[in-house]
N, C-alpha and C. Protein backbone atom coordinates (compact mmCIF):
# COMPACT_ATOMS: atom_id res chain seq x y z
N MET A 1 108.17 178.92 147.61
CA MET A 1 109.26 178.32 146.87
C MET A 1 109.66 176.97 147.47
N LYS A 2 109.75 176.92 148.80
CA LYS A 2 110.12 175.68 149.47
C LYS A 2 109.07 174.60 149.23
N THR A 3 107.81 174.99 149.15
CA THR A 3 106.75 174.01 148.93
C THR A 3 106.87 173.37 147.55
N ARG A 4 107.21 174.16 146.55
CA ARG A 4 107.36 173.62 145.20
C ARG A 4 108.54 172.65 145.13
N VAL A 5 109.63 173.01 145.78
CA VAL A 5 110.80 172.14 145.79
C VAL A 5 110.47 170.85 146.53
N LEU A 6 109.80 170.97 147.66
CA LEU A 6 109.42 169.79 148.43
C LEU A 6 108.48 168.89 147.63
N LYS A 7 107.51 169.48 146.94
CA LYS A 7 106.60 168.69 146.11
C LYS A 7 107.36 167.99 144.98
N ALA A 8 108.31 168.69 144.38
CA ALA A 8 109.10 168.09 143.30
C ALA A 8 109.94 166.92 143.81
N VAL A 9 110.54 167.09 144.98
CA VAL A 9 111.35 166.02 145.58
C VAL A 9 110.47 164.81 145.90
N VAL A 10 109.31 165.05 146.49
CA VAL A 10 108.39 163.96 146.83
C VAL A 10 107.92 163.25 145.56
N PHE A 11 107.62 164.01 144.51
CA PHE A 11 107.18 163.42 143.26
C PHE A 11 108.28 162.54 142.65
N ILE A 12 109.49 163.06 142.58
CA ILE A 12 110.60 162.31 142.00
C ILE A 12 110.89 161.06 142.83
N TYR A 13 110.88 161.19 144.15
CA TYR A 13 111.11 160.04 145.02
C TYR A 13 110.02 158.98 144.81
N SER A 14 108.78 159.41 144.72
CA SER A 14 107.67 158.47 144.51
C SER A 14 107.80 157.77 143.16
N LEU A 15 108.17 158.52 142.15
CA LEU A 15 108.33 157.96 140.81
C LEU A 15 109.45 156.92 140.79
N VAL A 16 110.58 157.25 141.39
CA VAL A 16 111.71 156.31 141.43
C VAL A 16 111.32 155.06 142.21
N THR A 17 110.66 155.22 143.34
CA THR A 17 110.23 154.07 144.15
C THR A 17 109.27 153.19 143.37
N LEU A 18 108.32 153.79 142.70
CA LEU A 18 107.35 153.03 141.92
C LEU A 18 108.03 152.26 140.79
N LEU A 19 108.92 152.91 140.06
CA LEU A 19 109.57 152.27 138.93
C LEU A 19 110.58 151.21 139.36
N SER A 20 111.18 151.37 140.53
CA SER A 20 112.15 150.37 140.98
C SER A 20 111.48 149.04 141.26
N GLY A 21 110.21 149.04 141.57
CA GLY A 21 109.48 147.79 141.78
C GLY A 21 109.10 147.11 140.49
N CYS A 22 109.20 147.82 139.37
CA CYS A 22 108.80 147.27 138.08
C CYS A 22 109.97 146.77 137.24
N TYR A 23 111.18 147.19 137.57
CA TYR A 23 112.30 146.85 136.71
C TYR A 23 113.49 146.44 137.55
N THR A 24 114.23 145.48 137.05
CA THR A 24 115.47 145.06 137.70
C THR A 24 116.58 145.02 136.67
N PHE A 25 117.76 145.42 137.06
CA PHE A 25 118.89 145.38 136.15
C PHE A 25 119.43 143.97 135.98
N GLN A 26 118.95 143.03 136.77
CA GLN A 26 119.38 141.65 136.65
C GLN A 26 118.62 140.92 135.55
N GLY A 27 117.57 141.47 135.04
CA GLY A 27 116.85 140.84 133.95
C GLY A 27 115.98 139.67 134.39
N ASN A 28 115.63 139.62 135.64
CA ASN A 28 114.79 138.54 136.16
C ASN A 28 113.48 138.44 135.40
N ARG A 29 113.10 137.23 135.04
CA ARG A 29 111.81 137.02 134.41
C ARG A 29 111.08 135.89 135.11
N ILE A 30 111.22 135.80 136.40
CA ILE A 30 110.61 134.72 137.16
C ILE A 30 109.12 135.01 137.32
N ASP A 31 108.32 134.07 136.89
CA ASP A 31 106.87 134.17 136.99
C ASP A 31 106.47 134.41 138.44
N PRO A 32 105.56 135.34 138.70
CA PRO A 32 105.14 135.61 140.08
C PRO A 32 104.56 134.39 140.80
N GLN A 33 104.06 133.39 140.06
CA GLN A 33 103.53 132.17 140.68
C GLN A 33 104.64 131.31 141.28
N ILE A 34 105.87 131.51 140.82
CA ILE A 34 107.00 130.72 141.32
C ILE A 34 107.46 131.35 142.63
N GLU A 35 107.37 130.55 143.71
CA GLU A 35 107.73 131.07 145.03
C GLU A 35 108.87 130.32 145.68
N THR A 36 109.12 129.08 145.27
CA THR A 36 110.13 128.26 145.93
C THR A 36 111.03 127.56 144.92
N VAL A 37 112.20 127.18 145.38
CA VAL A 37 113.15 126.47 144.53
C VAL A 37 113.81 125.36 145.36
N THR A 38 113.95 124.20 144.74
CA THR A 38 114.67 123.08 145.34
C THR A 38 115.92 122.83 144.51
N ILE A 39 117.06 122.84 145.17
CA ILE A 39 118.32 122.55 144.51
C ILE A 39 118.89 121.29 145.15
N ASN A 40 118.79 120.20 144.43
CA ASN A 40 119.26 118.91 144.93
C ASN A 40 120.78 118.84 144.90
N TYR A 41 121.32 117.93 145.66
CA TYR A 41 122.76 117.70 145.72
C TYR A 41 123.26 117.19 144.37
N PHE A 42 124.35 117.76 143.87
CA PHE A 42 124.95 117.37 142.60
C PHE A 42 126.15 116.47 142.88
N PRO A 43 125.98 115.14 142.74
CA PRO A 43 127.10 114.24 143.01
C PRO A 43 128.17 114.33 141.93
N ASN A 44 129.39 114.03 142.31
CA ASN A 44 130.50 114.01 141.37
C ASN A 44 130.54 112.65 140.68
N GLN A 45 130.16 112.62 139.41
CA GLN A 45 130.20 111.38 138.63
C GLN A 45 131.32 111.40 137.59
N SER A 46 132.25 112.33 137.76
CA SER A 46 133.40 112.38 136.85
C SER A 46 134.39 111.28 137.22
N ASN A 47 135.42 111.15 136.43
CA ASN A 47 136.42 110.11 136.66
C ASN A 47 137.45 110.50 137.72
N PHE A 48 137.37 111.72 138.23
CA PHE A 48 138.35 112.20 139.19
C PHE A 48 137.64 112.59 140.48
N VAL A 49 138.20 112.21 141.60
CA VAL A 49 137.60 112.53 142.90
C VAL A 49 138.19 113.83 143.42
N ALA A 50 137.33 114.79 143.66
CA ALA A 50 137.70 116.04 144.32
C ALA A 50 136.77 116.17 145.52
N THR A 51 137.31 116.10 146.70
CA THR A 51 136.48 115.96 147.90
C THR A 51 135.50 117.10 148.12
N SER A 52 135.88 118.32 147.79
CA SER A 52 135.00 119.46 148.08
C SER A 52 134.10 119.84 146.91
N LEU A 53 134.26 119.21 145.78
CA LEU A 53 133.60 119.65 144.54
C LEU A 53 132.07 119.65 144.63
N SER A 54 131.47 118.54 144.98
CA SER A 54 130.00 118.44 144.99
C SER A 54 129.38 119.41 145.98
N GLN A 55 129.93 119.45 147.18
CA GLN A 55 129.39 120.34 148.21
C GLN A 55 129.55 121.81 147.82
N THR A 56 130.73 122.16 147.33
CA THR A 56 130.99 123.55 146.94
C THR A 56 130.06 123.98 145.82
N PHE A 57 129.93 123.16 144.78
CA PHE A 57 129.06 123.53 143.66
C PHE A 57 127.61 123.66 144.10
N THR A 58 127.11 122.68 144.83
CA THR A 58 125.70 122.70 145.26
C THR A 58 125.41 123.92 146.12
N GLU A 59 126.28 124.22 147.07
CA GLU A 59 126.07 125.38 147.95
C GLU A 59 126.19 126.69 147.18
N THR A 60 127.09 126.76 146.22
CA THR A 60 127.23 127.97 145.40
C THR A 60 125.96 128.22 144.60
N LEU A 61 125.38 127.17 144.03
CA LEU A 61 124.13 127.32 143.28
C LEU A 61 122.99 127.76 144.20
N LYS A 62 122.90 127.18 145.38
CA LYS A 62 121.88 127.59 146.35
C LYS A 62 122.05 129.06 146.73
N ASN A 63 123.28 129.46 146.99
CA ASN A 63 123.54 130.85 147.38
C ASN A 63 123.18 131.82 146.26
N LYS A 64 123.40 131.43 145.02
CA LYS A 64 123.06 132.28 143.88
C LYS A 64 121.57 132.59 143.87
N PHE A 65 120.75 131.56 144.03
CA PHE A 65 119.30 131.76 144.00
C PHE A 65 118.80 132.45 145.27
N ALA A 66 119.42 132.17 146.40
CA ALA A 66 118.99 132.80 147.65
C ALA A 66 119.31 134.30 147.64
N SER A 67 120.42 134.68 147.03
CA SER A 67 120.82 136.08 147.08
C SER A 67 120.29 136.91 145.92
N GLU A 68 119.93 136.29 144.80
CA GLU A 68 119.54 137.08 143.63
C GLU A 68 118.10 136.89 143.19
N THR A 69 117.33 136.14 143.95
CA THR A 69 115.91 135.99 143.62
C THR A 69 115.09 136.15 144.89
N ARG A 70 113.81 136.24 144.71
CA ARG A 70 112.89 136.31 145.84
C ARG A 70 112.43 134.91 146.26
N LEU A 71 112.95 133.88 145.60
CA LEU A 71 112.52 132.51 145.83
C LEU A 71 113.05 131.98 147.17
N TYR A 72 112.22 131.18 147.82
CA TYR A 72 112.62 130.52 149.06
C TYR A 72 113.18 129.15 148.73
N LEU A 73 114.30 128.81 149.36
CA LEU A 73 114.88 127.47 149.19
C LEU A 73 114.09 126.46 150.00
N LYS A 74 113.74 125.35 149.35
CA LYS A 74 113.05 124.24 150.03
C LYS A 74 113.84 122.96 149.78
N ASP A 75 113.84 122.08 150.76
CA ASP A 75 114.54 120.81 150.60
C ASP A 75 113.86 119.91 149.57
N ASN A 76 112.54 120.00 149.48
CA ASN A 76 111.76 119.15 148.56
C ASN A 76 110.59 119.94 148.00
N ASP A 77 110.09 119.51 146.86
CA ASP A 77 108.84 120.01 146.29
C ASP A 77 108.83 121.51 146.02
N GLY A 78 109.94 122.06 145.56
CA GLY A 78 109.95 123.46 145.16
C GLY A 78 109.23 123.65 143.83
N ASP A 79 108.77 124.87 143.57
CA ASP A 79 108.13 125.17 142.29
C ASP A 79 109.12 124.96 141.14
N TRP A 80 110.36 125.37 141.37
CA TRP A 80 111.45 125.08 140.45
C TRP A 80 112.33 124.03 141.12
N GLU A 81 112.84 123.11 140.31
CA GLU A 81 113.70 122.07 140.88
C GLU A 81 114.91 121.84 139.97
N TYR A 82 116.08 121.83 140.59
CA TYR A 82 117.33 121.58 139.88
C TYR A 82 117.93 120.28 140.40
N SER A 83 118.33 119.42 139.47
CA SER A 83 119.03 118.20 139.83
C SER A 83 120.06 117.94 138.74
N GLY A 84 120.90 116.96 138.97
CA GLY A 84 121.90 116.63 137.97
C GLY A 84 123.14 116.07 138.61
N ALA A 85 124.25 116.18 137.89
CA ALA A 85 125.51 115.62 138.37
C ALA A 85 126.68 116.35 137.75
N ILE A 86 127.79 116.32 138.45
CA ILE A 86 129.05 116.81 137.90
C ILE A 86 129.60 115.69 137.04
N THR A 87 129.74 115.96 135.76
CA THR A 87 130.11 114.91 134.81
C THR A 87 131.54 115.03 134.30
N GLN A 88 132.16 116.18 134.54
CA GLN A 88 133.52 116.38 134.03
C GLN A 88 134.34 117.13 135.07
N TYR A 89 135.51 116.62 135.33
CA TYR A 89 136.49 117.29 136.18
C TYR A 89 137.85 116.85 135.67
N VAL A 90 138.50 117.71 134.91
CA VAL A 90 139.74 117.30 134.26
C VAL A 90 140.73 118.47 134.21
N SER A 91 141.97 118.15 134.46
CA SER A 91 143.05 119.11 134.34
C SER A 91 143.90 118.72 133.14
N THR A 92 144.07 119.66 132.20
CA THR A 92 144.83 119.38 130.99
C THR A 92 145.91 120.44 130.78
N PRO A 93 147.04 120.06 130.23
CA PRO A 93 148.08 121.04 129.94
C PRO A 93 147.72 121.86 128.70
N ILE A 94 148.00 123.15 128.78
CA ILE A 94 147.81 124.04 127.63
C ILE A 94 149.05 124.94 127.55
N ALA A 95 149.13 125.77 126.57
CA ALA A 95 150.23 126.73 126.38
C ALA A 95 151.60 126.06 126.43
N PRO A 96 151.90 125.20 125.45
CA PRO A 96 153.21 124.53 125.44
C PRO A 96 154.36 125.51 125.28
N THR A 97 155.47 125.18 125.90
CA THR A 97 156.69 125.97 125.74
C THR A 97 157.66 125.18 124.86
N GLY A 98 158.80 125.75 124.57
CA GLY A 98 159.74 125.13 123.64
C GLY A 98 160.41 123.88 124.15
N ASN A 99 160.47 123.67 125.44
CA ASN A 99 161.20 122.51 125.96
C ASN A 99 160.27 121.40 126.45
N GLU A 100 159.22 121.13 125.70
CA GLU A 100 158.27 120.04 125.95
C GLU A 100 157.57 120.11 127.31
N THR A 101 157.43 121.31 127.82
CA THR A 101 156.64 121.52 129.04
C THR A 101 155.54 122.51 128.70
N THR A 102 154.69 122.75 129.65
CA THR A 102 153.62 123.73 129.42
C THR A 102 153.72 124.84 130.45
N ALA A 103 153.27 126.00 130.06
CA ALA A 103 153.27 127.14 130.97
C ALA A 103 152.01 127.17 131.81
N LEU A 104 150.93 126.61 131.27
CA LEU A 104 149.64 126.65 131.96
C LEU A 104 148.96 125.29 131.91
N ASN A 105 148.14 125.07 132.92
CA ASN A 105 147.22 123.94 132.94
C ASN A 105 145.81 124.50 133.01
N ARG A 106 144.84 123.72 132.61
CA ARG A 106 143.45 124.16 132.61
C ARG A 106 142.59 123.14 133.35
N LEU A 107 141.87 123.63 134.37
CA LEU A 107 140.90 122.79 135.07
C LEU A 107 139.52 123.06 134.48
N THR A 108 138.87 122.03 133.99
CA THR A 108 137.54 122.14 133.40
C THR A 108 136.56 121.33 134.23
N ILE A 109 135.42 121.95 134.53
CA ILE A 109 134.35 121.27 135.26
C ILE A 109 133.09 121.34 134.40
N GLY A 110 132.44 120.20 134.22
CA GLY A 110 131.18 120.13 133.48
C GLY A 110 130.07 119.61 134.38
N VAL A 111 128.90 120.20 134.25
CA VAL A 111 127.75 119.84 135.08
C VAL A 111 126.53 119.63 134.19
N LYS A 112 125.90 118.46 134.32
CA LYS A 112 124.63 118.22 133.64
C LYS A 112 123.52 118.65 134.58
N VAL A 113 122.65 119.53 134.10
CA VAL A 113 121.57 120.09 134.92
C VAL A 113 120.23 119.74 134.30
N ASP A 114 119.33 119.24 135.13
CA ASP A 114 117.94 119.01 134.75
C ASP A 114 117.09 120.01 135.52
N PHE A 115 116.37 120.85 134.79
CA PHE A 115 115.52 121.88 135.39
C PHE A 115 114.07 121.50 135.18
N VAL A 116 113.29 121.51 136.26
CA VAL A 116 111.86 121.22 136.18
C VAL A 116 111.11 122.40 136.78
N ASN A 117 110.21 122.95 135.98
CA ASN A 117 109.30 123.99 136.44
C ASN A 117 107.97 123.30 136.71
N HIS A 118 107.66 123.07 137.97
CA HIS A 118 106.45 122.33 138.33
C HIS A 118 105.17 123.13 138.07
N LYS A 119 105.29 124.42 137.81
CA LYS A 119 104.13 125.25 137.49
C LYS A 119 103.90 125.37 135.98
N ASN A 120 104.95 125.11 135.18
CA ASN A 120 104.84 125.22 133.73
C ASN A 120 105.83 124.24 133.09
N GLU A 121 105.37 123.03 132.83
CA GLU A 121 106.22 121.96 132.33
C GLU A 121 106.86 122.29 130.97
N LYS A 122 106.29 123.24 130.22
CA LYS A 122 106.86 123.61 128.92
C LYS A 122 108.22 124.28 129.07
N GLU A 123 108.53 124.77 130.25
CA GLU A 123 109.80 125.45 130.47
C GLU A 123 110.90 124.51 130.97
N ASN A 124 110.62 123.22 131.10
CA ASN A 124 111.64 122.27 131.56
C ASN A 124 112.78 122.18 130.54
N TRP A 125 113.99 121.92 131.04
CA TRP A 125 115.13 121.74 130.15
C TRP A 125 116.22 120.91 130.83
N SER A 126 117.07 120.34 129.98
CA SER A 126 118.29 119.65 130.42
C SER A 126 119.43 120.18 129.59
N GLN A 127 120.54 120.47 130.26
CA GLN A 127 121.68 121.02 129.54
C GLN A 127 122.95 120.74 130.32
N THR A 128 124.05 120.58 129.60
CA THR A 128 125.35 120.45 130.23
C THR A 128 126.07 121.79 130.13
N PHE A 129 126.56 122.27 131.25
CA PHE A 129 127.30 123.52 131.34
C PHE A 129 128.76 123.17 131.63
N SER A 130 129.67 123.92 131.04
CA SER A 130 131.09 123.66 131.25
C SER A 130 131.83 124.99 131.37
N ARG A 131 132.73 125.06 132.33
CA ARG A 131 133.57 126.25 132.53
C ARG A 131 134.97 125.79 132.91
N PHE A 132 135.93 126.69 132.73
CA PHE A 132 137.31 126.34 133.06
C PHE A 132 138.04 127.54 133.66
N GLU A 133 139.14 127.24 134.31
CA GLU A 133 140.09 128.24 134.81
C GLU A 133 141.49 127.70 134.55
N ASP A 134 142.39 128.61 134.18
CA ASP A 134 143.78 128.23 133.95
C ASP A 134 144.60 128.50 135.20
N TYR A 135 145.66 127.72 135.37
CA TYR A 135 146.58 127.94 136.49
C TYR A 135 148.00 127.59 136.04
N PRO A 136 149.00 128.23 136.65
CA PRO A 136 150.39 128.00 136.23
C PRO A 136 150.81 126.55 136.45
N SER A 137 151.56 126.03 135.50
CA SER A 137 152.03 124.64 135.64
C SER A 137 153.08 124.50 136.73
N THR A 138 153.57 125.62 137.24
CA THR A 138 154.52 125.56 138.35
C THR A 138 153.82 125.24 139.67
N GLN A 139 152.48 125.30 139.68
CA GLN A 139 151.71 124.97 140.87
C GLN A 139 151.00 123.63 140.65
N SER A 140 150.95 122.83 141.70
CA SER A 140 150.22 121.57 141.59
C SER A 140 148.72 121.85 141.71
N LEU A 141 147.93 120.98 141.13
CA LEU A 141 146.48 121.14 141.21
C LEU A 141 146.01 121.15 142.66
N SER A 142 146.59 120.30 143.49
CA SER A 142 146.15 120.24 144.89
C SER A 142 146.38 121.56 145.62
N THR A 143 147.34 122.35 145.18
CA THR A 143 147.62 123.65 145.81
C THR A 143 146.54 124.67 145.49
N VAL A 144 146.04 124.66 144.26
CA VAL A 144 145.10 125.69 143.81
C VAL A 144 143.68 125.17 143.64
N GLU A 145 143.47 123.90 143.92
CA GLU A 145 142.20 123.23 143.61
C GLU A 145 140.99 123.90 144.25
N ASN A 146 141.02 124.14 145.55
CA ASN A 146 139.85 124.71 146.22
C ASN A 146 139.46 126.07 145.66
N ASP A 147 140.46 126.91 145.39
CA ASP A 147 140.18 128.24 144.82
C ASP A 147 139.59 128.11 143.42
N LEU A 148 140.15 127.22 142.61
CA LEU A 148 139.64 127.02 141.25
C LEU A 148 138.22 126.47 141.26
N ILE A 149 137.96 125.51 142.14
CA ILE A 149 136.61 124.95 142.24
C ILE A 149 135.61 126.03 142.61
N GLN A 150 135.98 126.90 143.54
CA GLN A 150 135.08 127.99 143.95
C GLN A 150 134.80 128.93 142.79
N ARG A 151 135.85 129.34 142.07
CA ARG A 151 135.67 130.28 140.96
C ARG A 151 134.86 129.67 139.82
N ILE A 152 135.15 128.42 139.48
CA ILE A 152 134.40 127.76 138.41
C ILE A 152 132.95 127.53 138.83
N SER A 153 132.74 127.17 140.08
CA SER A 153 131.36 126.98 140.58
C SER A 153 130.55 128.27 140.47
N LEU A 154 131.17 129.40 140.76
CA LEU A 154 130.48 130.69 140.61
C LEU A 154 130.09 130.94 139.16
N GLN A 155 130.99 130.65 138.23
CA GLN A 155 130.69 130.84 136.81
C GLN A 155 129.55 129.92 136.35
N LEU A 156 129.61 128.67 136.79
CA LEU A 156 128.55 127.72 136.42
C LEU A 156 127.21 128.13 137.01
N ALA A 157 127.22 128.58 138.27
CA ALA A 157 125.97 129.04 138.90
C ALA A 157 125.40 130.23 138.14
N ASP A 158 126.25 131.14 137.69
CA ASP A 158 125.78 132.27 136.88
C ASP A 158 125.13 131.79 135.59
N ASP A 159 125.77 130.84 134.91
CA ASP A 159 125.22 130.31 133.66
C ASP A 159 123.85 129.66 133.87
N ILE A 160 123.75 128.86 134.91
CA ILE A 160 122.49 128.16 135.20
C ILE A 160 121.40 129.15 135.57
N TYR A 161 121.74 130.13 136.38
CA TYR A 161 120.79 131.17 136.77
C TYR A 161 120.29 131.92 135.53
N LEU A 162 121.22 132.33 134.67
CA LEU A 162 120.83 133.08 133.48
C LEU A 162 119.95 132.25 132.55
N LYS A 163 120.22 130.96 132.45
CA LYS A 163 119.41 130.09 131.58
C LYS A 163 117.96 130.03 132.05
N SER A 164 117.75 130.02 133.36
CA SER A 164 116.40 129.79 133.86
C SER A 164 115.68 131.03 134.36
N ALA A 165 116.39 132.08 134.68
CA ALA A 165 115.72 133.20 135.36
C ALA A 165 115.97 134.56 134.72
N SER A 166 116.47 134.60 133.50
CA SER A 166 116.85 135.89 132.94
C SER A 166 116.37 136.06 131.51
N ASP A 167 116.15 137.30 131.15
CA ASP A 167 115.81 137.65 129.77
C ASP A 167 117.07 137.92 128.95
N TRP A 168 118.21 138.01 129.60
CA TRP A 168 119.42 138.42 128.89
C TRP A 168 120.09 137.27 128.24
């Protein structure tokens, strides 16, 4: 009896191990020939200067690919290459109240991304991604700026990752 149970456990374990190598819940569709990725620095070309914006966004995008893919980050000549610029950084009032003030402000960040697949040029693309976060008008932008930049950068990195590496 113990032998049958042991054989069943070994079979199920082997089956699960085998299938886990074939499927991912992240929907990755990265060609096995793609081994490296280069993520260039994204300069801030918007009309507003935010000191941490370019560095935070670039590092967030690098971390996304380092943690969720098997690709190695390279400074130059990666199989996949991302470049571009931050083109929009604007805070606008939203949610007006009755006394000519607003309850919320919205920080919007836009990034133009150029993607080059050096192994398959047909997959190259250029696209502008935009995301926003709202914050109370009782707080100044400088008070919440770093947190908002981090959160928006994560959303943008997710969008860029999904565009290039996912079936979903």
